[in-house]
N, C-alpha and C. Protein backbone atom coordinates (compact mmCIF):
# COMPACT_ATOMS: atom_id res chain seq x y z
N MET A 1 -17.42 -18.68 66.55
CA MET A 1 -16.28 -17.80 66.68
C MET A 1 -16.59 -16.75 67.73
N GLU A 2 -15.71 -16.60 68.70
CA GLU A 2 -15.89 -15.61 69.75
C GLU A 2 -15.62 -14.21 69.22
N ALA A 3 -16.13 -13.21 69.94
CA ALA A 3 -15.87 -11.83 69.57
C ALA A 3 -14.37 -11.59 69.61
N ASN A 4 -13.87 -10.80 68.67
CA ASN A 4 -12.45 -10.44 68.54
C ASN A 4 -11.57 -11.61 68.11
N GLN A 5 -12.14 -12.76 67.79
CA GLN A 5 -11.35 -13.89 67.32
C GLN A 5 -11.49 -13.95 65.80
N LEU A 6 -10.36 -13.93 65.12
CA LEU A 6 -10.36 -13.95 63.66
C LEU A 6 -10.43 -15.39 63.15
N PRO A 7 -11.04 -15.59 61.97
CA PRO A 7 -11.05 -16.93 61.38
C PRO A 7 -9.61 -17.36 61.03
N GLU A 8 -9.41 -18.66 60.92
CA GLU A 8 -8.09 -19.17 60.56
C GLU A 8 -7.76 -18.80 59.12
N LEU A 9 -6.54 -18.38 58.89
CA LEU A 9 -6.08 -18.01 57.55
C LEU A 9 -5.49 -19.25 56.88
N LYS A 10 -6.05 -19.62 55.73
CA LYS A 10 -5.58 -20.80 55.01
C LYS A 10 -4.19 -20.55 54.42
N PRO A 11 -3.48 -21.64 54.09
CA PRO A 11 -2.18 -21.49 53.41
C PRO A 11 -2.35 -20.77 52.07
N CYS A 12 -1.24 -20.35 51.51
CA CYS A 12 -1.24 -19.63 50.24
C CYS A 12 -1.86 -20.47 49.13
N PRO A 13 -2.80 -19.90 48.37
CA PRO A 13 -3.41 -20.65 47.28
C PRO A 13 -2.42 -20.95 46.15
N MET A 14 -1.39 -20.15 46.02
CA MET A 14 -0.44 -20.33 44.93
C MET A 14 0.67 -21.32 45.27
N CYS A 15 1.35 -21.09 46.40
CA CYS A 15 2.53 -21.91 46.70
C CYS A 15 2.34 -22.87 47.87
N GLY A 16 1.25 -22.70 48.65
CA GLY A 16 0.98 -23.60 49.77
C GLY A 16 1.66 -23.23 51.07
N PHE A 17 2.39 -22.12 51.11
CA PHE A 17 3.08 -21.68 52.33
C PHE A 17 2.06 -21.48 53.44
N SER A 18 2.35 -22.01 54.63
CA SER A 18 1.34 -22.01 55.70
C SER A 18 1.41 -20.80 56.63
N ASN A 19 2.48 -20.05 56.63
CA ASN A 19 2.59 -18.90 57.53
C ASN A 19 2.18 -17.61 56.85
N THR A 20 1.00 -17.63 56.24
CA THR A 20 0.47 -16.43 55.62
C THR A 20 0.02 -15.46 56.71
N GLU A 21 -0.19 -14.21 56.34
CA GLU A 21 -0.52 -13.19 57.33
C GLU A 21 -1.45 -12.16 56.72
N VAL A 22 -2.09 -11.39 57.58
CA VAL A 22 -2.90 -10.27 57.13
C VAL A 22 -2.09 -9.01 57.41
N ILE A 23 -1.98 -8.18 56.38
CA ILE A 23 -1.23 -6.94 56.54
C ILE A 23 -2.15 -5.76 56.31
N LYS A 24 -1.81 -4.64 56.89
CA LYS A 24 -2.57 -3.40 56.72
C LYS A 24 -1.87 -2.58 55.66
N GLY A 25 -2.56 -2.29 54.59
CA GLY A 25 -2.03 -1.44 53.54
C GLY A 25 -2.26 0.02 53.89
N LYS A 26 -2.13 0.87 52.90
CA LYS A 26 -2.37 2.30 53.14
C LYS A 26 -3.81 2.57 53.53
N ILE A 27 -4.72 1.77 52.98
CA ILE A 27 -6.14 1.99 53.26
C ILE A 27 -6.79 0.76 53.87
N ASP A 28 -6.63 -0.38 53.23
CA ASP A 28 -7.36 -1.59 53.61
C ASP A 28 -6.42 -2.70 54.06
N TYR A 29 -7.03 -3.83 54.44
CA TYR A 29 -6.30 -5.02 54.84
C TYR A 29 -6.24 -5.99 53.66
N GLN A 30 -5.22 -6.83 53.66
CA GLN A 30 -5.15 -7.90 52.69
C GLN A 30 -4.29 -9.02 53.24
N ALA A 31 -4.65 -10.25 52.87
CA ALA A 31 -3.83 -11.40 53.23
C ALA A 31 -2.61 -11.39 52.33
N HIS A 32 -1.52 -11.94 52.85
CA HIS A 32 -0.24 -11.85 52.15
C HIS A 32 0.56 -13.12 52.39
N CYS A 33 1.24 -13.58 51.37
CA CYS A 33 2.15 -14.73 51.50
C CYS A 33 3.58 -14.21 51.41
N PRO A 34 4.34 -14.29 52.51
CA PRO A 34 5.72 -13.82 52.46
C PRO A 34 6.63 -14.69 51.59
N ALA A 35 6.21 -15.92 51.28
CA ALA A 35 7.05 -16.82 50.50
C ALA A 35 7.03 -16.47 49.01
N CYS A 36 5.84 -16.30 48.44
CA CYS A 36 5.75 -16.03 47.00
C CYS A 36 5.26 -14.61 46.70
N LEU A 37 4.93 -13.85 47.75
CA LEU A 37 4.49 -12.45 47.66
C LEU A 37 3.11 -12.27 47.06
N MET A 38 2.32 -13.34 47.03
CA MET A 38 0.93 -13.20 46.57
C MET A 38 0.15 -12.40 47.60
N HIS A 39 -0.74 -11.54 47.12
CA HIS A 39 -1.62 -10.75 47.97
C HIS A 39 -3.06 -11.10 47.65
N GLY A 40 -3.89 -11.10 48.66
CA GLY A 40 -5.31 -11.26 48.46
C GLY A 40 -5.92 -9.90 48.13
N PRO A 41 -7.23 -9.88 47.89
CA PRO A 41 -7.89 -8.61 47.57
C PRO A 41 -7.93 -7.68 48.78
N ASP A 42 -7.93 -6.38 48.51
CA ASP A 42 -8.06 -5.38 49.57
C ASP A 42 -9.47 -5.43 50.16
N ARG A 43 -9.54 -5.43 51.48
CA ARG A 43 -10.82 -5.45 52.17
C ARG A 43 -10.79 -4.47 53.34
N ALA A 44 -11.96 -4.00 53.74
CA ALA A 44 -12.06 -2.97 54.78
C ALA A 44 -11.69 -3.48 56.17
N THR A 45 -11.86 -4.78 56.42
CA THR A 45 -11.55 -5.32 57.74
C THR A 45 -10.68 -6.57 57.60
N GLU A 46 -10.05 -6.95 58.69
CA GLU A 46 -9.23 -8.16 58.70
C GLU A 46 -10.07 -9.40 58.41
N ILE A 47 -11.26 -9.44 59.00
CA ILE A 47 -12.14 -10.60 58.80
C ILE A 47 -12.48 -10.77 57.32
N TYR A 48 -12.85 -9.69 56.65
CA TYR A 48 -13.18 -9.78 55.23
C TYR A 48 -11.95 -10.12 54.39
N ALA A 49 -10.78 -9.65 54.78
CA ALA A 49 -9.54 -9.99 54.07
C ALA A 49 -9.28 -11.49 54.19
N ILE A 50 -9.46 -12.03 55.38
CA ILE A 50 -9.25 -13.47 55.60
C ILE A 50 -10.28 -14.29 54.83
N GLU A 51 -11.54 -13.90 54.90
CA GLU A 51 -12.58 -14.64 54.19
C GLU A 51 -12.36 -14.61 52.67
N SER A 52 -11.91 -13.48 52.15
CA SER A 52 -11.64 -13.39 50.70
C SER A 52 -10.46 -14.26 50.32
N TRP A 53 -9.41 -14.25 51.14
CA TRP A 53 -8.23 -15.09 50.90
C TRP A 53 -8.60 -16.56 50.94
N ASN A 54 -9.36 -16.93 51.94
CA ASN A 54 -9.75 -18.34 52.10
C ASN A 54 -10.66 -18.83 50.98
N ALA A 55 -11.35 -17.90 50.31
CA ALA A 55 -12.26 -18.27 49.22
C ALA A 55 -11.53 -18.51 47.90
N ILE A 56 -10.27 -18.09 47.80
CA ILE A 56 -9.50 -18.29 46.57
C ILE A 56 -9.24 -19.79 46.42
N PRO A 57 -9.54 -20.37 45.24
CA PRO A 57 -9.28 -21.81 45.06
C PRO A 57 -7.80 -22.13 45.25
N ARG A 58 -7.53 -23.23 45.93
CA ARG A 58 -6.16 -23.67 46.15
C ARG A 58 -5.67 -24.44 44.94
N ARG A 59 -4.36 -24.47 44.76
CA ARG A 59 -3.75 -25.14 43.62
C ARG A 59 -4.20 -26.60 43.53
N SER A 60 -4.29 -27.29 44.66
CA SER A 60 -4.72 -28.69 44.65
C SER A 60 -6.16 -28.82 44.15
N GLU A 61 -7.00 -27.84 44.48
CA GLU A 61 -8.38 -27.86 44.00
C GLU A 61 -8.43 -27.65 42.49
N LEU A 62 -7.57 -26.78 41.97
CA LEU A 62 -7.53 -26.55 40.53
C LEU A 62 -7.02 -27.78 39.79
N VAL A 63 -6.01 -28.45 40.36
CA VAL A 63 -5.50 -29.67 39.74
C VAL A 63 -6.62 -30.71 39.68
N GLU A 64 -7.36 -30.86 40.76
CA GLU A 64 -8.46 -31.83 40.78
C GLU A 64 -9.55 -31.44 39.77
N LEU A 65 -9.87 -30.16 39.69
CA LEU A 65 -10.86 -29.70 38.72
C LEU A 65 -10.41 -30.00 37.30
N LEU A 66 -9.14 -29.73 37.00
CA LEU A 66 -8.63 -30.01 35.67
C LEU A 66 -8.61 -31.51 35.39
N ARG A 67 -8.35 -32.32 36.41
CA ARG A 67 -8.39 -33.77 36.23
C ARG A 67 -9.80 -34.22 35.86
N LEU A 68 -10.80 -33.65 36.55
CA LEU A 68 -12.18 -34.01 36.26
C LEU A 68 -12.60 -33.56 34.87
N VAL A 69 -12.18 -32.36 34.48
CA VAL A 69 -12.48 -31.87 33.13
C VAL A 69 -11.84 -32.80 32.11
N ASP A 70 -10.60 -33.17 32.37
CA ASP A 70 -9.89 -34.08 31.47
C ASP A 70 -10.63 -35.41 31.34
N GLU A 71 -11.13 -35.91 32.46
CA GLU A 71 -11.84 -37.18 32.46
C GLU A 71 -13.16 -37.09 31.70
N VAL A 72 -13.89 -36.01 31.90
CA VAL A 72 -15.19 -35.86 31.26
C VAL A 72 -15.05 -35.59 29.77
N VAL A 73 -14.15 -34.69 29.41
CA VAL A 73 -14.03 -34.29 28.01
C VAL A 73 -13.09 -35.20 27.24
N SER A 74 -12.18 -35.85 27.93
CA SER A 74 -11.16 -36.72 27.34
C SER A 74 -10.28 -35.99 26.33
N TRP A 75 -10.30 -34.68 26.41
CA TRP A 75 -9.48 -33.82 25.53
C TRP A 75 -9.59 -34.23 24.07
N ASP A 76 -10.81 -34.54 23.69
CA ASP A 76 -11.07 -34.92 22.31
C ASP A 76 -11.29 -33.66 21.49
N ASP A 77 -10.30 -33.31 20.68
CA ASP A 77 -10.41 -32.08 19.89
C ASP A 77 -11.55 -32.12 18.89
N THR A 78 -12.07 -33.31 18.58
CA THR A 78 -13.15 -33.38 17.61
C THR A 78 -14.46 -32.86 18.18
N ILE A 79 -14.55 -32.68 19.52
CA ILE A 79 -15.80 -32.17 20.07
C ILE A 79 -15.93 -30.66 19.86
N ILE A 80 -14.85 -30.02 19.44
CA ILE A 80 -14.91 -28.58 19.20
C ILE A 80 -15.39 -28.37 17.77
N ASP A 81 -16.61 -27.89 17.66
CA ASP A 81 -17.21 -27.69 16.35
C ASP A 81 -16.85 -26.30 15.85
N THR A 82 -15.75 -26.21 15.11
CA THR A 82 -15.29 -24.90 14.64
C THR A 82 -16.20 -24.33 13.57
N TYR A 83 -17.06 -25.15 12.96
CA TYR A 83 -17.96 -24.64 11.92
C TYR A 83 -19.04 -23.74 12.52
N ASN A 84 -19.41 -23.97 13.77
CA ASN A 84 -20.41 -23.12 14.41
C ASN A 84 -19.80 -21.82 14.92
N PHE A 85 -18.50 -21.75 14.94
CA PHE A 85 -17.81 -20.56 15.41
C PHE A 85 -16.75 -20.18 14.37
N PRO A 86 -17.17 -19.71 13.20
CA PRO A 86 -16.22 -19.51 12.12
C PRO A 86 -15.05 -18.59 12.48
N GLU A 87 -15.30 -17.56 13.26
CA GLU A 87 -14.22 -16.64 13.58
C GLU A 87 -13.51 -17.04 14.87
N ASP A 88 -14.24 -17.58 15.83
CA ASP A 88 -13.65 -17.88 17.13
C ASP A 88 -13.26 -19.34 17.29
N GLY A 89 -13.66 -20.20 16.36
CA GLY A 89 -13.40 -21.63 16.52
C GLY A 89 -11.94 -21.97 16.65
N LEU A 90 -11.10 -21.38 15.80
CA LEU A 90 -9.68 -21.68 15.86
C LEU A 90 -9.09 -21.18 17.18
N ALA A 91 -9.51 -20.00 17.61
CA ALA A 91 -9.02 -19.47 18.89
C ALA A 91 -9.45 -20.37 20.03
N MET A 92 -10.68 -20.90 19.97
CA MET A 92 -11.16 -21.78 21.02
C MET A 92 -10.33 -23.07 21.04
N ALA A 93 -10.00 -23.60 19.88
CA ALA A 93 -9.17 -24.80 19.82
C ALA A 93 -7.80 -24.53 20.43
N HIS A 94 -7.24 -23.37 20.16
CA HIS A 94 -5.95 -23.02 20.76
C HIS A 94 -6.07 -22.86 22.27
N ASP A 95 -7.20 -22.32 22.74
CA ASP A 95 -7.41 -22.19 24.19
C ASP A 95 -7.45 -23.56 24.85
N PHE A 96 -8.10 -24.54 24.20
CA PHE A 96 -8.12 -25.89 24.75
C PHE A 96 -6.71 -26.46 24.82
N LYS A 97 -5.92 -26.18 23.80
CA LYS A 97 -4.54 -26.67 23.78
C LYS A 97 -3.75 -26.04 24.93
N LYS A 98 -3.92 -24.74 25.14
CA LYS A 98 -3.22 -24.06 26.24
C LYS A 98 -3.68 -24.59 27.59
N LEU A 99 -4.98 -24.82 27.74
CA LEU A 99 -5.50 -25.35 28.99
C LEU A 99 -4.96 -26.74 29.25
N ARG A 100 -4.89 -27.56 28.20
CA ARG A 100 -4.34 -28.90 28.33
C ARG A 100 -2.87 -28.84 28.76
N GLU A 101 -2.09 -27.94 28.15
CA GLU A 101 -0.68 -27.79 28.51
C GLU A 101 -0.55 -27.34 29.97
N TYR A 102 -1.40 -26.40 30.37
CA TYR A 102 -1.36 -25.91 31.75
C TYR A 102 -1.73 -27.02 32.73
N ALA A 103 -2.74 -27.82 32.37
CA ALA A 103 -3.15 -28.93 33.24
C ALA A 103 -2.01 -29.93 33.40
N ASN A 104 -1.32 -30.22 32.31
CA ASN A 104 -0.19 -31.15 32.38
C ASN A 104 0.93 -30.59 33.24
N LYS A 105 1.19 -29.30 33.14
CA LYS A 105 2.22 -28.66 33.96
C LYS A 105 1.86 -28.76 35.44
N LEU A 106 0.60 -28.47 35.78
CA LEU A 106 0.18 -28.55 37.17
C LEU A 106 0.26 -29.99 37.68
N ARG A 107 -0.11 -30.94 36.84
CA ARG A 107 -0.03 -32.35 37.25
C ARG A 107 1.41 -32.75 37.53
N GLN A 108 2.33 -32.31 36.69
CA GLN A 108 3.74 -32.63 36.91
C GLN A 108 4.23 -32.02 38.22
N GLU A 109 3.86 -30.76 38.46
CA GLU A 109 4.28 -30.10 39.70
C GLU A 109 3.67 -30.77 40.92
N ALA A 110 2.46 -31.32 40.75
CA ALA A 110 1.80 -31.99 41.87
C ALA A 110 2.28 -33.44 42.02
N GLY A 111 3.12 -33.90 41.09
CA GLY A 111 3.67 -35.25 41.18
C GLY A 111 2.74 -36.32 40.66
N GLU A 112 1.80 -35.93 39.82
CA GLU A 112 0.87 -36.92 39.24
C GLU A 112 1.44 -37.51 37.98
């Protein structure tokens, strides 16, 4: 990368919009998606704002991660040993159910 040349800004991690931009806030810089209004973290320089934005996992990466988790775990509720977690076991089972529902929602949106 040449001096004064900024790294490429990736599309929005949430909606995939490709014309994202870096904006100057009152104090710091942050990447911004004009389509869904998602903002990246505040950073002292444009370069750090872009690098932080680009490091956010993209929706397609999360869908793939959830697919792999689904494949490995097979969403078998019997693997959750609630006896070892008497107070948190039920909450953990509900968390798996919510994660499964979220994974299915993302898969539907991705056309899987």
